[in-house]
Amino acid sequence: MAQVKVKGSETLFQNKVLEGLTRTHPMVILSMYVPFCAFLLWYFYNYVEPSAAVLSFTFFAGVFSWTFFEYILHRYVFHFVGESDFAKRFTYLAHGVHHEYPKDKKRLVMPPVPSIIVAGVFFSLFKLILGVYVYAFFSGFVIGYLIYAMIHYATHAFRAPKGPARFLWEYHNLHHFRYPDKAFGVSSPLWDVVFGTYPPREHKKKAVTVEA
């Protein structure tokens, strides 16, 4: 893992166009995907299954499924350890740069171009499995991602709030500054508990909170 510099930024590509594509603001992602998800739900209800119960169940199944994929992607893809130069470069571009510069606000959510590519892959996979039910499921899956992305942005860009929500700030900072091989969940610690990567319980006495 690269040395944490906390503040600052890194130039990933000398080409200005490519470099620009690695940065974004969360409002860009929200403006892209919230209307898209609303359209998918409208289409599902009007042309697939005019049932609020079916729509709700399929939608929330998608939201819940995202929490699992969030954990798997973060643990096994973003923290993949490879010996080849390609593997090292990939993991650095995908996530290592974020660990090195965790306060770089323009790299806290996935930029539009790679997000569209990843979304297209997931949509195609789910379409093969779920057929027409993919429209409600994928909408929930993307909303789950957006919830995760906004929580992730907030934990790095804003001061930790008082109250129960503070746990998310402290939990994610444990991953960054004390246990990089644990606390992979961002929107929820559920899968860390299931798969045994929840940080030691004594962390509550030594909580780490890095202010914005």
C-alpha atoms as a PDB file:
ATOM      1  CA  MET A   1       0.000   0.000   0.000  1.00  0.00           C
ATOM      2  CA  ALA A   2       1.318   3.424  -0.932  1.00  0.00           C
ATOM      3  CA  GLN A   3       2.206   5.889   1.801  1.00  0.00           C
ATOM      4  CA  VAL A   4      -0.828   7.932   2.822  1.00  0.00           C
ATOM      5  CA  LYS A   5      -0.440  11.602   1.948  1.00  0.00           C
ATOM      6  CA  VAL A   6      -4.016  12.446   3.081  1.00  0.00           C
ATOM      7  CA  LYS A   7      -4.252  15.728   1.165  1.00  0.00           C
ATOM      8  CA  GLY A   8      -3.143  16.501  -2.364  1.00  0.00           C
ATOM      9  CA  SER A   9      -3.625  14.770  -5.705  1.00  0.00           C
ATOM     10  CA  GLU A  10      -1.770  12.621  -8.214  1.00  0.00           C
ATOM     11  CA  THR A  11      -1.417  12.942 -11.980  1.00  0.00           C
ATOM     12  CA  LEU A  12      -2.327   9.551 -13.433  1.00  0.00           C
ATOM     13  CA  PHE A  13      -1.977  10.380 -17.139  1.00  0.00           C
ATOM     14  CA  GLN A  14       0.117  12.939 -18.964  1.00  0.00           C
ATOM     15  CA  ASN A  15      -2.608  13.225 -21.589  1.00  0.00           C
ATOM     16  CA  LYS A  16      -4.927  15.996 -20.378  1.00  0.00           C
ATOM     17  CA  VAL A  17      -8.053  14.356 -21.811  1.00  0.00           C
ATOM     18  CA  LEU A  18      -7.372  11.016 -20.101  1.00  0.00           C
ATOM     19  CA  GLU A  19      -6.419  12.779 -16.894  1.00  0.00           C
ATOM     20  CA  GLY A  20      -9.656  14.750 -16.977  1.00  0.00           C
ATOM     21  CA  LEU A  21     -11.639  11.535 -17.362  1.00  0.00           C
ATOM     22  CA  THR A  22     -10.274  10.292 -14.012  1.00  0.00           C
ATOM     23  CA  ARG A  23     -11.910  13.101 -12.062  1.00  0.00           C
ATOM     24  CA  THR A  24     -15.523  13.992 -11.382  1.00  0.00           C
ATOM     25  CA  HIS A  25     -17.949  15.533  -8.920  1.00  0.00           C
ATOM     26  CA  PRO A  26     -20.658  13.404  -7.271  1.00  0.00           C
ATOM     27  CA  MET A  27     -23.399  15.633  -8.678  1.00  0.00           C
ATOM     28  CA  VAL A  28     -22.363  14.544 -12.175  1.00  0.00           C
ATOM     29  CA  ILE A  29     -22.943  10.898 -11.280  1.00  0.00           C
ATOM     30  CA  LEU A  30     -26.216  11.667  -9.514  1.00  0.00           C
ATOM     31  CA  SER A  31     -27.490  13.672 -12.484  1.00  0.00           C
ATOM     32  CA  MET A  32     -26.676  10.749 -14.775  1.00  0.00           C
ATOM     33  CA  TYR A  33     -28.069   7.826 -12.828  1.00  0.00           C
ATOM     34  CA  VAL A  34     -31.006   9.096 -10.763  1.00  0.00           C
ATOM     35  CA  PRO A  35     -33.090   9.943 -13.889  1.00  0.00           C
ATOM     36  CA  PHE A  36     -31.919   6.678 -15.489  1.00  0.00           C
ATOM     37  CA  CYS A  37     -33.105   4.650 -12.479  1.00  0.00           C
ATOM     38  CA  ALA A  38     -36.406   6.513 -12.411  1.00  0.00           C
ATOM     39  CA  PHE A  39     -36.908   5.648 -16.083  1.00  0.00           C
ATOM     40  CA  LEU A  40     -36.159   1.969 -15.471  1.00  0.00           C
ATOM     41  CA  LEU A  41     -38.738   1.836 -12.671  1.00  0.00           C
ATOM     42  CA  TRP A  42     -41.324   3.640 -14.826  1.00  0.00           C
ATOM     43  CA  TYR A  43     -40.675   1.246 -17.701  1.00  0.00           C
ATOM     44  CA  PHE A  44     -40.904  -1.805 -15.460  1.00  0.00           C
ATOM     45  CA  TYR A  45     -44.216  -0.738 -13.919  1.00  0.00           C
ATOM     46  CA  ASN A  46     -45.814   0.296 -17.203  1.00  0.00           C
ATOM     47  CA  TYR A  47     -44.520  -2.368 -19.572  1.00  0.00           C
ATOM     48  CA  VAL A  48     -43.359  -5.369 -17.532  1.00  0.00           C
ATOM     49  CA  GLU A  49     -45.224  -5.846 -14.239  1.00  0.00           C
ATOM     50  CA  PRO A  50     -47.825  -3.279 -13.086  1.00  0.00           C
ATOM     51  CA  SER A  51     -47.480  -4.377  -9.477  1.00  0.00           C
ATOM     52  CA  ALA A  52     -46.126  -2.089  -6.765  1.00  0.00           C
ATOM     53  CA  ALA A  53     -45.328  -5.117  -4.604  1.00  0.00           C
ATOM     54  CA  VAL A  54     -43.272  -6.863  -7.291  1.00  0.00           C
ATOM     55  CA  LEU A  55     -41.539  -3.631  -8.224  1.00  0.00           C
ATOM     56  CA  SER A  56     -40.666  -2.869  -4.579  1.00  0.00           C
ATOM     57  CA  PHE A  57     -39.393  -6.379  -3.851  1.00  0.00           C
ATOM     58  CA  THR A  58     -37.258  -6.508  -7.009  1.00  0.00           C
ATOM     59  CA  PHE A  59     -35.950  -2.993  -6.463  1.00  0.00           C
ATOM     60  CA  PHE A  60     -34.881  -3.617  -2.853  1.00  0.00           C
ATOM     61  CA  ALA A  61     -33.380  -6.950  -3.840  1.00  0.00           C
ATOM     62  CA  GLY A  62     -31.165  -4.919  -6.158  1.00  0.00           C
ATOM     63  CA  VAL A  63     -30.241  -2.484  -3.396  1.00  0.00           C
ATOM     64  CA  PHE A  64     -29.338  -5.342  -1.056  1.00  0.00           C
ATOM     65  CA  SER A  65     -27.370  -7.127  -3.785  1.00  0.00           C
ATOM     66  CA  TRP A  66     -25.275  -4.028  -4.273  1.00  0.00           C
ATOM     67  CA  THR A  67     -24.038  -4.219  -0.657  1.00  0.00           C
ATOM     68  CA  PHE A  68     -22.635  -7.680  -1.405  1.00  0.00           C
ATOM     69  CA  PHE A  69     -21.007  -6.594  -4.672  1.00  0.00           C
ATOM     70  CA  GLU A  70     -19.625  -3.510  -2.903  1.00  0.00           C
ATOM     71  CA  TYR A  71     -17.806  -5.771  -0.460  1.00  0.00           C
ATOM     72  CA  ILE A  72     -16.573  -8.224  -3.104  1.00  0.00           C
ATOM     73  CA  LEU A  73     -15.342  -5.494  -5.451  1.00  0.00           C
ATOM     74  CA  HIS A  74     -13.627  -3.583  -2.682  1.00  0.00           C
ATOM     75  CA  ARG A  75     -11.939  -6.606  -1.139  1.00  0.00           C
ATOM     76  CA  TYR A  76     -11.003  -8.719  -4.143  1.00  0.00           C
ATOM     77  CA  VAL A  77     -10.745  -6.276  -7.060  1.00  0.00           C
ATOM     78  CA  PHE A  78      -9.693  -2.931  -5.571  1.00  0.00           C
ATOM     79  CA  HIS A  79      -7.318  -4.629  -3.138  1.00  0.00           C
ATOM     80  CA  PHE A  80      -6.099  -7.285  -5.538  1.00  0.00           C
ATOM     81  CA  VAL A  81      -2.431  -8.123  -4.944  1.00  0.00           C
ATOM     82  CA  GLY A  82      -0.581  -9.036  -8.127  1.00  0.00           C
ATOM     83  CA  GLU A  83       3.101  -9.288  -8.962  1.00  0.00           C
ATOM     84  CA  SER A  84       2.981  -8.142 -12.580  1.00  0.00           C
ATOM     85  CA  ASP A  85       3.463  -4.503 -13.533  1.00  0.00           C
ATOM     86  CA  PHE A  86       0.013  -4.534 -15.160  1.00  0.00           C
ATOM     87  CA  ALA A  87      -1.668  -5.782 -11.979  1.00  0.00           C
ATOM     88  CA  LYS A  88       0.112  -3.197  -9.855  1.00  0.00           C
ATOM     89  CA  ARG A  89      -0.808  -0.416 -12.263  1.00  0.00           C
ATOM     90  CA  PHE A  90      -4.426  -1.554 -12.430  1.00  0.00           C
ATOM     91  CA  THR A  91      -4.910  -1.684  -8.671  1.00  0.00           C
ATOM     92  CA  TYR A  92      -3.223   1.694  -8.258  1.00  0.00           C
ATOM     93  CA  LEU A  93      -5.449   3.328 -10.880  1.00  0.00           C
ATOM     94  CA  ALA A  94      -8.592   1.609  -9.574  1.00  0.00           C
ATOM     95  CA  HIS A  95      -8.074   2.221  -5.879  1.00  0.00           C
ATOM     96  CA  GLY A  96      -4.471   2.652  -4.769  1.00  0.00           C
ATOM     97  CA  VAL A  97      -4.404   6.320  -5.676  1.00  0.00           C
ATOM     98  CA  HIS A  98      -7.418   6.836  -3.426  1.00  0.00           C
ATOM     99  CA  HIS A  99      -5.615   5.262  -0.480  1.00  0.00           C
ATOM    100  CA  GLU A 100      -2.600   7.449  -1.172  1.00  0.00           C
ATOM    101  CA  TYR A 101      -4.667  10.632  -1.481  1.00  0.00           C
ATOM    102  CA  PRO A 102      -7.916   9.928   0.445  1.00  0.00           C
ATOM    103  CA  LYS A 103      -8.894  13.602   0.554  1.00  0.00           C
ATOM    104  CA  ASP A 104      -8.785  14.152  -3.210  1.00  0.00           C
ATOM    105  CA  LYS A 105     -12.447  15.131  -3.607  1.00  0.00           C
ATOM    106  CA  LYS A 106     -12.447  14.696  -7.385  1.00  0.00           C
ATOM    107  CA  ARG A 107     -11.569  11.012  -7.101  1.00  0.00           C
ATOM    108  CA  LEU A 108     -14.055   9.867  -4.475  1.00  0.00           C
ATOM    109  CA  VAL A 109     -16.661   8.525  -6.908  1.00  0.00           C
ATOM    110  CA  MET A 110     -16.187   6.606 -10.152  1.00  0.00           C
ATOM    111  CA  PRO A 111     -15.931   8.974 -13.147  1.00  0.00           C
ATOM    112  CA  PRO A 112     -18.646   8.842 -15.850  1.00  0.00           C
ATOM    113  CA  VAL A 113     -16.844   6.921 -18.598  1.00  0.00           C
ATOM    114  CA  PRO A 114     -15.629   3.920 -16.550  1.00  0.00           C
ATOM    115  CA  SER A 115     -18.904   3.917 -14.602  1.00  0.00           C
ATOM    116  CA  ILE A 116     -20.901   3.568 -17.836  1.00  0.00           C
ATOM    117  CA  ILE A 117     -18.692   0.688 -18.952  1.00  0.00           C
ATOM    118  CA  VAL A 118     -19.037  -1.112 -15.606  1.00  0.00           C
ATOM    119  CA  ALA A 119     -22.789  -0.437 -15.516  1.00  0.00           C
ATOM    120  CA  GLY A 120     -23.152  -1.880 -19.003  1.00  0.00           C
ATOM    121  CA  VAL A 121     -21.351  -5.075 -17.991  1.00  0.00           C
ATOM    122  CA  PHE A 122     -23.495  -5.547 -14.896  1.00  0.00           C
ATOM    123  CA  PHE A 123     -26.727  -4.751 -16.739  1.00  0.00           C
ATOM    124  CA  SER A 124     -25.911  -7.306 -19.443  1.00  0.00           C
ATOM    125  CA  LEU A 125     -25.088  -9.957 -16.844  1.00  0.00           C
ATOM    126  CA  PHE A 126     -28.262  -9.352 -14.867  1.00  0.00           C
ATOM    127  CA  LYS A 127     -30.331  -9.266 -18.059  1.00  0.00           C
ATOM    128  CA  LEU A 128     -29.148 -12.795 -18.887  1.00  0.00           C
ATOM    129  CA  ILE A 129     -30.141 -13.987 -15.413  1.00  0.00           C
ATOM    130  CA  LEU A 130     -33.316 -12.013 -14.703  1.00  0.00           C
ATOM    131  CA  GLY A 131     -34.784 -11.213 -18.098  1.00  0.00           C
ATOM    132  CA  VAL A 132     -37.248  -8.314 -18.017  1.00  0.00           C
ATOM    133  CA  TYR A 133     -37.064  -8.114 -14.221  1.00  0.00           C
ATOM    134  CA  VAL A 134     -33.642  -6.577 -14.701  1.00  0.00           C
ATOM    135  CA  TYR A 135     -35.206  -3.122 -15.080  1.00  0.00           C
ATOM    136  CA  ALA A 136     -36.384  -2.917 -11.463  1.00  0.00           C
ATOM    137  CA  PHE A 137     -33.487  -4.946 -10.071  1.00  0.00           C
ATOM    138  CA  PHE A 138     -30.812  -2.915 -11.838  1.00  0.00           C
ATOM    139  CA  SER A 139     -32.450   0.322 -10.761  1.00  0.00           C
ATOM    140  CA  GLY A 140     -32.143  -0.820  -7.144  1.00  0.00           C
ATOM    141  CA  PHE A 141     -28.587  -2.004  -7.740  1.00  0.00           C
ATOM    142  CA  VAL A 142     -27.563   1.401  -9.097  1.00  0.00           C
ATOM    143  CA  ILE A 143     -29.351   3.263  -6.303  1.00  0.00           C
ATOM    144  CA  GLY A 144     -27.447   1.050  -3.870  1.00  0.00           C
ATOM    145  CA  TYR A 145     -24.250   2.128  -5.606  1.00  0.00           C
ATOM    146  CA  LEU A 146     -25.251   5.793  -5.416  1.00  0.00           C
ATOM    147  CA  ILE A 147     -25.933   5.482  -1.681  1.00  0.00           C
ATOM    148  CA  TYR A 148     -22.518   3.900  -1.249  1.00  0.00           C
ATOM    149  CA  ALA A 149     -20.862   6.567  -3.420  1.00  0.00           C
ATOM    150  CA  MET A 150     -22.444   9.449  -1.512  1.00  0.00           C
ATOM    151  CA  ILE A 151     -21.516   7.909   1.856  1.00  0.00           C
ATOM    152  CA  HIS A 152     -17.972   7.387   0.603  1.00  0.00           C
ATOM    153  CA  TYR A 153     -17.760  10.965  -0.631  1.00  0.00           C
ATOM    154  CA  ALA A 154     -19.154  12.332   2.619  1.00  0.00           C
ATOM    155  CA  THR A 155     -16.776  10.352   4.837  1.00  0.00           C
ATOM    156  CA  HIS A 156     -13.800  11.881   3.036  1.00  0.00           C
ATOM    157  CA  ALA A 157     -15.089  15.348   2.160  1.00  0.00           C
ATOM    158  CA  PHE A 158     -16.973  16.393   5.303  1.00  0.00           C
ATOM    159  CA  ARG A 159     -16.431  16.403   9.024  1.00  0.00           C
ATOM    160  CA  ALA A 160     -17.882  13.477  10.919  1.00  0.00           C
ATOM    161  CA  PRO A 161     -21.338  14.357  12.266  1.00  0.00           C
ATOM    162  CA  LYS A 162     -22.585  13.721  15.752  1.00  0.00           C
ATOM    163  CA  GLY A 163     -24.995  10.878  16.355  1.00  0.00           C
ATOM    164  CA  PRO A 164     -25.279   7.364  14.894  1.00  0.00           C
ATOM    165  CA  ALA A 165     -24.063   8.390  11.414  1.00  0.00           C
ATOM    166  CA  ARG A 166     -20.628   9.105  12.900  1.00  0.00           C
ATOM    167  CA  PHE A 167     -20.039   5.345  12.960  1.00  0.00           C
ATOM    168  CA  LEU A 168     -19.727   5.285   9.144  1.00  0.00           C
ATOM    169  CA  TRP A 169     -16.982   7.931   9.224  1.00  0.00           C
ATOM    170  CA  GLU A 170     -15.027   6.149  11.929  1.00  0.00           C
ATOM    171  CA  TYR A 171     -15.522   2.722  10.374  1.00  0.00           C
ATOM    172  CA  HIS A 172     -14.252   3.758   6.946  1.00  0.00           C
ATOM    173  CA  ASN A 173     -11.297   5.610   8.437  1.00  0.00           C
ATOM    174  CA  LEU A 174     -10.339   2.398  10.220  1.00  0.00           C
ATOM    175  CA  HIS A 175      -9.957   0.824   6.781  1.00  0.00           C
ATOM    176  CA  HIS A 176      -7.810   3.684   5.531  1.00  0.00           C
ATOM    177  CA  PHE A 177      -5.603   4.360   8.516  1.00  0.00           C
ATOM    178  CA  ARG A 178      -5.466   1.250  10.689  1.00  0.00           C
ATOM    179  CA  TYR A 179      -6.830  -1.927   9.059  1.00  0.00           C
ATOM    180  CA  PRO A 180      -6.421  -1.846   5.247  1.00  0.00           C
ATOM    181  CA  ASP A 181      -7.186  -5.589   5.161  1.00  0.00           C
ATOM    182  CA  LYS A 182     -10.471  -5.169   7.047  1.00  0.00           C
ATOM    183  CA  ALA A 183     -13.570  -2.935   7.070  1.00  0.00           C
ATOM    184  CA  PHE A 184     -14.247  -3.280   3.341  1.00  0.00           C
ATOM    185  CA  GLY A 185     -17.885  -2.297   3.729  1.00  0.00           C
ATOM    186  CA  VAL A 186     -18.574   1.408   3.269  1.00  0.00           C
ATOM    187  CA  SER A 187     -22.353   1.657   3.300  1.00  0.00           C
ATOM    188  CA  SER A 188     -22.671  -1.192   5.817  1.00  0.00           C
ATOM    189  CA  PRO A 189     -20.410  -3.457   7.923  1.00  0.00           C
ATOM    190  CA  LEU A 190     -22.755  -6.405   7.279  1.00  0.00           C
ATOM    191  CA  TRP A 191     -20.514  -8.407   4.958  1.00  0.00           C
ATOM    192  CA  ASP A 192     -17.429  -7.700   7.057  1.00  0.00           C
ATOM    193  CA  VAL A 193     -19.254  -9.449   9.886  1.00  0.00           C
ATOM    194  CA  VAL A 194     -20.321 -12.330   7.625  1.00  0.00           C
ATOM    195  CA  PHE A 195     -16.861 -12.885   6.128  1.00  0.00           C
ATOM    196  CA  GLY A 196     -14.784 -12.174   9.220  1.00  0.00           C
ATOM    197  CA  THR A 197     -13.160  -8.896   8.183  1.00  0.00           C
ATOM    198  CA  TYR A 198     -14.779  -6.748  10.847  1.00  0.00           C
ATOM    199  CA  PRO A 199     -12.038  -4.825  12.704  1.00  0.00           C
ATOM    200  CA  PRO A 200     -11.119  -5.853  16.264  1.00  0.00           C
ATOM    201  CA  ARG A 201     -13.768  -4.817  18.738  1.00  0.00           C
ATOM    202  CA  GLU A 202     -11.352  -2.633  20.669  1.00  0.00           C
ATOM    203  CA  HIS A 203     -11.419  -0.159  17.783  1.00  0.00           C
ATOM    204  CA  LYS A 204     -14.347   1.525  19.525  1.00  0.00           C
ATOM    205  CA  LYS A 205     -11.899   2.703  22.160  1.00  0.00           C
ATOM    206  CA  LYS A 206      -9.406   3.883  19.545  1.00  0.00           C
ATOM    207  CA  ALA A 207     -11.697   5.217  16.843  1.00  0.00           C
ATOM    208  CA  VAL A 208      -9.953   7.094  14.062  1.00  0.00           C
ATOM    209  CA  THR A 209     -11.611  10.148  12.601  1.00  0.00           C
ATOM    210  CA  VAL A 210      -9.728  12.308  10.137  1.00  0.00           C
ATOM    211  CA  GLU A 211     -11.510  15.600   9.707  1.00  0.00           C
ATOM    212  CA  ALA A 212     -12.021  17.205   6.300  1.00  0.00           C
END
